[in-house]
Amino acid sequence: MPKENEDLAGALRHYRELLEQGEYYEAHEVLEEAWHPLRRRGDERRNLAKGLINAAVAFEHLRRNRPKSRRVATQAIAAYRRYRPLCQEGIDEFELFESCCLKVESLCERWEI
């Protein structure tokens, strides 16, 4: 497996761990670093990764209870949901992406968004 794919796989694992710990900002940062090479290459997984990043940002706004955090979170989760269908069997790292998506969805239920 090439180094870039190892970095993506590691970032997805770390992202999920951070979500579980409630470290949403850090989860966003970790995955954003892995997202940049996907974006530059036009990789088909770039939008799915971006959706996961948006979701982590949403949870961070809710956690901080900032003004208008519910509205900002709702918009970010809408962006995540636009890209969620891209998580299909056959993409590289499908299991890791799917695991992250399931965690995001459980957090959406928890935060009622």
Protein backbone atom coordinates (compact mmCIF):
# COMPACT_ATOMS: atom_id res chain seq x y z
CA MET A 1 0.00 0.00 0.00
CA PRO A 2 1.49 3.39 -0.93
CA LYS A 3 2.33 5.84 1.82
CA GLU A 4 -0.52 8.21 0.89
CA ASN A 5 -3.06 5.42 1.36
CA GLU A 6 -1.47 4.48 4.68
CA ASP A 7 -1.79 8.11 5.74
CA LEU A 8 -5.46 8.18 4.72
CA ALA A 9 -6.21 4.92 6.51
CA GLY A 10 -4.41 6.13 9.63
CA ALA A 11 -6.20 9.48 9.46
CA LEU A 12 -9.59 7.77 9.20
CA ARG A 13 -8.82 5.55 12.19
CA HIS A 14 -7.58 8.52 14.22
CA TYR A 15 -10.57 10.65 13.13
CA ARG A 16 -12.98 8.03 14.46
CA GLU A 17 -11.11 7.69 17.75
CA LEU A 18 -11.16 11.45 18.21
CA LEU A 19 -14.91 11.59 17.51
CA GLU A 20 -15.43 8.91 20.15
CA GLN A 21 -13.45 11.03 22.62
CA GLY A 22 -15.43 14.17 21.79
CA GLU A 23 -12.34 15.81 20.30
CA TYR A 24 -14.18 17.14 17.26
CA TYR A 25 -11.82 19.96 16.30
CA GLU A 26 -8.85 17.62 16.41
CA ALA A 27 -10.77 15.05 14.33
CA HIS A 28 -11.38 17.72 11.70
CA GLU A 29 -7.68 18.65 11.67
CA VAL A 30 -6.47 15.06 11.32
CA LEU A 31 -8.71 14.26 8.40
CA GLU A 32 -8.16 17.61 6.70
CA GLU A 33 -4.44 16.84 6.41
CA ALA A 34 -5.25 13.59 4.59
CA TRP A 35 -7.92 15.33 2.48
CA HIS A 36 -5.54 17.81 0.81
CA PRO A 37 -3.74 15.19 -1.34
CA LEU A 38 -7.10 13.66 -2.32
CA ARG A 39 -8.34 17.06 -3.42
CA ARG A 40 -5.21 17.87 -5.40
CA ARG A 41 -5.41 14.55 -7.28
CA GLY A 42 -9.15 14.80 -7.91
CA ASP A 43 -9.56 11.50 -6.04
CA GLU A 44 -13.15 10.22 -5.95
CA ARG A 45 -12.96 9.97 -2.14
CA ARG A 46 -12.22 13.69 -1.66
CA ASN A 47 -15.86 14.74 -1.26
CA LEU A 48 -16.63 11.95 1.16
CA ALA A 49 -13.64 12.96 3.27
CA LYS A 50 -14.77 16.60 3.06
CA GLY A 51 -18.21 15.58 4.28
CA LEU A 52 -16.67 13.89 7.31
CA ILE A 53 -14.60 17.00 7.98
CA ASN A 54 -17.77 19.13 7.80
CA ALA A 55 -19.45 16.82 10.29
CA ALA A 56 -16.63 17.16 12.81
CA VAL A 57 -16.85 20.95 12.50
CA ALA A 58 -20.60 20.73 13.16
CA PHE A 59 -20.08 18.79 16.36
CA GLU A 60 -17.40 21.23 17.51
CA HIS A 61 -19.79 24.17 17.08
CA LEU A 62 -22.44 22.33 19.07
CA ARG A 63 -19.96 21.35 21.77
CA ARG A 64 -18.90 24.97 22.20
CA ASN A 65 -22.53 26.12 22.20
CA ARG A 66 -21.64 29.16 20.17
CA PRO A 67 -24.28 31.59 18.93
CA LYS A 68 -26.05 30.12 15.92
CA SER A 69 -24.25 26.80 16.48
CA ARG A 70 -27.39 24.81 15.69
CA ARG A 71 -27.79 26.57 12.31
CA VAL A 72 -24.09 26.16 11.44
CA ALA A 73 -24.16 22.51 12.48
CA THR A 74 -27.29 21.83 10.45
CA GLN A 75 -25.64 23.30 7.35
CA ALA A 76 -22.44 21.30 7.90
CA ILE A 77 -24.36 18.06 8.40
CA ALA A 78 -26.38 18.78 5.24
CA ALA A 79 -23.04 18.96 3.39
CA TYR A 80 -21.97 15.65 4.97
CA ARG A 81 -25.25 14.04 3.95
CA ARG A 82 -24.79 15.16 0.34
CA TYR A 83 -21.56 13.17 0.19
CA ARG A 84 -22.59 10.20 2.37
CA PRO A 85 -23.84 8.15 -0.63
CA LEU A 86 -20.30 8.21 -2.02
CA CYS A 87 -19.37 5.66 0.65
CA GLN A 88 -19.94 2.53 -1.38
CA GLU A 89 -18.30 -0.86 -1.48
CA GLY A 90 -15.51 -0.83 -3.98
CA ILE A 91 -13.84 2.41 -2.94
CA ASP A 92 -10.46 2.10 -1.27
CA GLU A 93 -10.72 2.14 2.52
CA PHE A 94 -14.48 1.46 2.30
CA GLU A 95 -14.61 -0.18 5.74
CA LEU A 96 -12.84 2.75 7.38
CA PHE A 97 -15.00 5.35 5.64
CA GLU A 98 -18.13 3.38 6.54
CA SER A 99 -17.05 3.14 10.18
CA CYS A 100 -16.52 6.91 10.30
CA CYS A 101 -19.89 7.56 8.65
CA LEU A 102 -21.67 5.33 11.15
CA LYS A 103 -20.01 7.20 14.01
CA VAL A 104 -21.06 10.55 12.51
CA GLU A 105 -24.62 9.31 12.17
CA SER A 106 -24.70 8.20 15.80
CA LEU A 107 -23.45 11.64 16.83
CA CYS A 108 -26.13 13.29 14.68
CA GLU A 109 -28.71 11.33 16.66
CA ARG A 110 -27.08 12.29 19.94
CA TRP A 111 -27.00 16.00 19.01
CA GLU A 112 -30.45 15.72 17.38
CA ILE A 113 -29.45 17.09 13.99
